[in-house]
Structures are given as C-alpha cells and as structure tokens.
C-alpha cells in the first residue's frame, strides 16, 4: 500500500530535498515508522518521546486533521495523501 506524504520545506533535509515521498502503513503510527526507516532522523522531529505527534505539528489525511479522526490510529488506504503541516503562530 502506498501513501503519499507531503513534507514541509523545513524537513526536506531528511527526504533528500523531496517535497513528496511514498511510504506504507495501515495507520498514521505505522506510516511514521515507515517514514523513519526511509528517512532516518525525521521521526524525532515529528514525534515526542511517547511517539505521539508534537503539539506544534498538524497531520492531515486527505485534508482531514487526524486530531478530529482517530489520532495516530487513523486508518490509511492505498492512494491516501498525508500532509505534514507545522503550526504557524504570530501576532
């Protein structure tokens, strides 16, 4: 199963400067593990010590925020698109 992952510019140093990569996984948790095996070091930037996505990071599956779905247990299907979006704040 292939899932397309959209990687923000700040993390592309882990993906050999690729903005889009394909990984596998039945859910977000497995996708993060697959992403780490393909791009060593990226998971530490995406997840906290417990393996959960960092608070300042938003993950979307087909434009749906995983916080409003099943979190890291959100199921993935072949052809899904996962966007990694760093939170932006300011004033």
C-alpha atoms as a PDB file:
ATOM      1  CA  UNK A   1       0.000   0.000   0.000  1.00  0.00           C
ATOM      2  CA  UNK A   2       1.409   3.393  -0.979  1.00  0.00           C
ATOM      3  CA  UNK A   3       0.565   6.620   0.810  1.00  0.00           C
ATOM      4  CA  UNK A   4       1.797   9.960  -0.493  1.00  0.00           C
ATOM      5  CA  UNK A   5       3.400  12.118   2.204  1.00  0.00           C
ATOM      6  CA  UNK A   6       3.751  15.870   1.662  1.00  0.00           C
ATOM      7  CA  UNK A   7       6.837  17.079   3.524  1.00  0.00           C
ATOM      8  CA  UNK A   8       7.319  20.744   4.517  1.00  0.00           C
ATOM      9  CA  UNK A   9      10.493  22.508   3.380  1.00  0.00           C
ATOM     10  CA  UNK A  10      11.970  22.549   6.897  1.00  0.00           C
ATOM     11  CA  UNK A  11      12.003  18.724   6.989  1.00  0.00           C
ATOM     12  CA  UNK A  12      13.115  18.052   3.427  1.00  0.00           C
ATOM     13  CA  UNK A  13      16.743  17.692   4.533  1.00  0.00           C
ATOM     14  CA  UNK A  14      15.642  14.263   5.819  1.00  0.00           C
ATOM     15  CA  UNK A  15      13.988  13.330   2.484  1.00  0.00           C
ATOM     16  CA  UNK A  16      16.907  14.261   0.209  1.00  0.00           C
ATOM     17  CA  UNK A  17      15.112  17.524  -0.628  1.00  0.00           C
ATOM     18  CA  UNK A  18      11.983  15.782  -1.870  1.00  0.00           C
ATOM     19  CA  UNK A  19       8.677  17.537  -1.127  1.00  0.00           C
ATOM     20  CA  UNK A  20       6.700  14.331  -1.710  1.00  0.00           C
ATOM     21  CA  UNK A  21       7.594  10.768  -0.804  1.00  0.00           C
ATOM     22  CA  UNK A  22       5.699   7.496  -0.743  1.00  0.00           C
ATOM     23  CA  UNK A  23       5.546   5.292   2.345  1.00  0.00           C
ATOM     24  CA  UNK A  24       3.389   2.479   3.599  1.00  0.00           C
ATOM     25  CA  UNK A  25       1.321   1.862   6.701  1.00  0.00           C
ATOM     26  CA  UNK A  26      -2.154   0.794   7.732  1.00  0.00           C
ATOM     27  CA  UNK A  27      -2.441   3.820  10.029  1.00  0.00           C
ATOM     28  CA  UNK A  28      -0.559   7.028  10.934  1.00  0.00           C
ATOM     29  CA  UNK A  29       1.504   5.267  13.599  1.00  0.00           C
ATOM     30  CA  UNK A  30       2.781   2.702  11.079  1.00  0.00           C
ATOM     31  CA  UNK A  31       3.306   5.426   8.484  1.00  0.00           C
ATOM     32  CA  UNK A  32       5.553   7.333  10.905  1.00  0.00           C
ATOM     33  CA  UNK A  33       7.641   4.185  11.433  1.00  0.00           C
ATOM     34  CA  UNK A  34       7.880   3.651   7.667  1.00  0.00           C
ATOM     35  CA  UNK A  35       8.835   7.282   7.211  1.00  0.00           C
ATOM     36  CA  UNK A  36      11.618   6.905   9.800  1.00  0.00           C
ATOM     37  CA  UNK A  37      13.003   3.788   8.103  1.00  0.00           C
ATOM     38  CA  UNK A  38      13.054   5.598   4.739  1.00  0.00           C
ATOM     39  CA  UNK A  39      14.255   8.952   6.138  1.00  0.00           C
ATOM     40  CA  UNK A  40      16.338   8.352   9.289  1.00  0.00           C
ATOM     41  CA  UNK A  41      16.046  11.110  11.878  1.00  0.00           C
ATOM     42  CA  UNK A  42      12.720  12.545  10.725  1.00  0.00           C
ATOM     43  CA  UNK A  43      10.609  10.869  13.412  1.00  0.00           C
ATOM     44  CA  UNK A  44      12.426  12.728  16.217  1.00  0.00           C
ATOM     45  CA  UNK A  45      11.321  15.975  14.569  1.00  0.00           C
ATOM     46  CA  UNK A  46       7.730  14.772  14.166  1.00  0.00           C
ATOM     47  CA  UNK A  47       7.078  12.892  17.417  1.00  0.00           C
ATOM     48  CA  UNK A  48       7.613  13.377  21.130  1.00  0.00           C
ATOM     49  CA  UNK A  49       9.255  10.812  23.442  1.00  0.00           C
ATOM     50  CA  UNK A  50       5.998   8.812  23.655  1.00  0.00           C
ATOM     51  CA  UNK A  51       5.766   8.545  19.853  1.00  0.00           C
ATOM     52  CA  UNK A  52       2.872  10.989  19.528  1.00  0.00           C
ATOM     53  CA  UNK A  53       2.925  13.849  17.011  1.00  0.00           C
ATOM     54  CA  UNK A  54       4.389  17.009  18.514  1.00  0.00           C
ATOM     55  CA  UNK A  55       1.888  19.678  19.587  1.00  0.00           C
ATOM     56  CA  UNK A  56       3.132  22.236  17.067  1.00  0.00           C
ATOM     57  CA  UNK A  57       2.687  19.813  14.184  1.00  0.00           C
ATOM     58  CA  UNK A  58      -0.543  19.104  12.316  1.00  0.00           C
ATOM     59  CA  UNK A  59      -1.088  15.934  10.303  1.00  0.00           C
ATOM     60  CA  UNK A  60      -3.841  15.704   7.723  1.00  0.00           C
ATOM     61  CA  UNK A  61      -5.160  12.667   5.871  1.00  0.00           C
ATOM     62  CA  UNK A  62      -6.832  13.772   2.655  1.00  0.00           C
ATOM     63  CA  UNK A  63      -7.304  17.285   4.150  1.00  0.00           C
ATOM     64  CA  UNK A  64      -8.818  15.945   7.411  1.00  0.00           C
ATOM     65  CA  UNK A  65      -6.977  16.766  10.657  1.00  0.00           C
ATOM     66  CA  UNK A  66      -6.117  13.498  12.439  1.00  0.00           C
ATOM     67  CA  UNK A  67      -6.957  15.125  15.799  1.00  0.00           C
ATOM     68  CA  UNK A  68     -10.615  15.020  14.707  1.00  0.00           C
ATOM     69  CA  UNK A  69     -10.310  11.470  13.383  1.00  0.00           C
ATOM     70  CA  UNK A  70      -8.583   8.682  15.350  1.00  0.00           C
ATOM     71  CA  UNK A  71      -5.228  10.371  16.012  1.00  0.00           C
ATOM     72  CA  UNK A  72      -2.255   8.119  15.257  1.00  0.00           C
ATOM     73  CA  UNK A  73      -4.682   5.203  14.872  1.00  0.00           C
ATOM     74  CA  UNK A  74      -6.317   6.906  11.856  1.00  0.00           C
ATOM     75  CA  UNK A  75      -6.584   4.283   9.120  1.00  0.00           C
ATOM     76  CA  UNK A  76      -4.884   4.788   5.780  1.00  0.00           C
ATOM     77  CA  UNK A  77      -5.783   3.417   2.376  1.00  0.00           C
ATOM     78  CA  UNK A  78      -3.793   2.994  -0.802  1.00  0.00           C
ATOM     79  CA  UNK A  79      -3.550   6.368  -2.528  1.00  0.00           C
ATOM     80  CA  UNK A  80      -4.224   8.487   0.555  1.00  0.00           C
ATOM     81  CA  UNK A  81      -2.349  11.762   0.955  1.00  0.00           C
ATOM     82  CA  UNK A  82      -0.843  12.727   4.318  1.00  0.00           C
ATOM     83  CA  UNK A  83       0.231  16.343   4.792  1.00  0.00           C
ATOM     84  CA  UNK A  84       2.708  17.358   7.483  1.00  0.00           C
ATOM     85  CA  UNK A  85       1.968  20.971   8.382  1.00  0.00           C
ATOM     86  CA  UNK A  86       3.960  22.848  11.026  1.00  0.00           C
ATOM     87  CA  UNK A  87       1.786  25.132  13.150  1.00  0.00           C
ATOM     88  CA  UNK A  88       2.186  28.842  12.484  1.00  0.00           C
ATOM     89  CA  UNK A  89       1.651  31.441  15.164  1.00  0.00           C
ATOM     90  CA  UNK A  90       2.161  35.134  15.345  1.00  0.00           C
ATOM     91  CA  UNK A  91       0.501  38.336  16.048  1.00  0.00           C
END
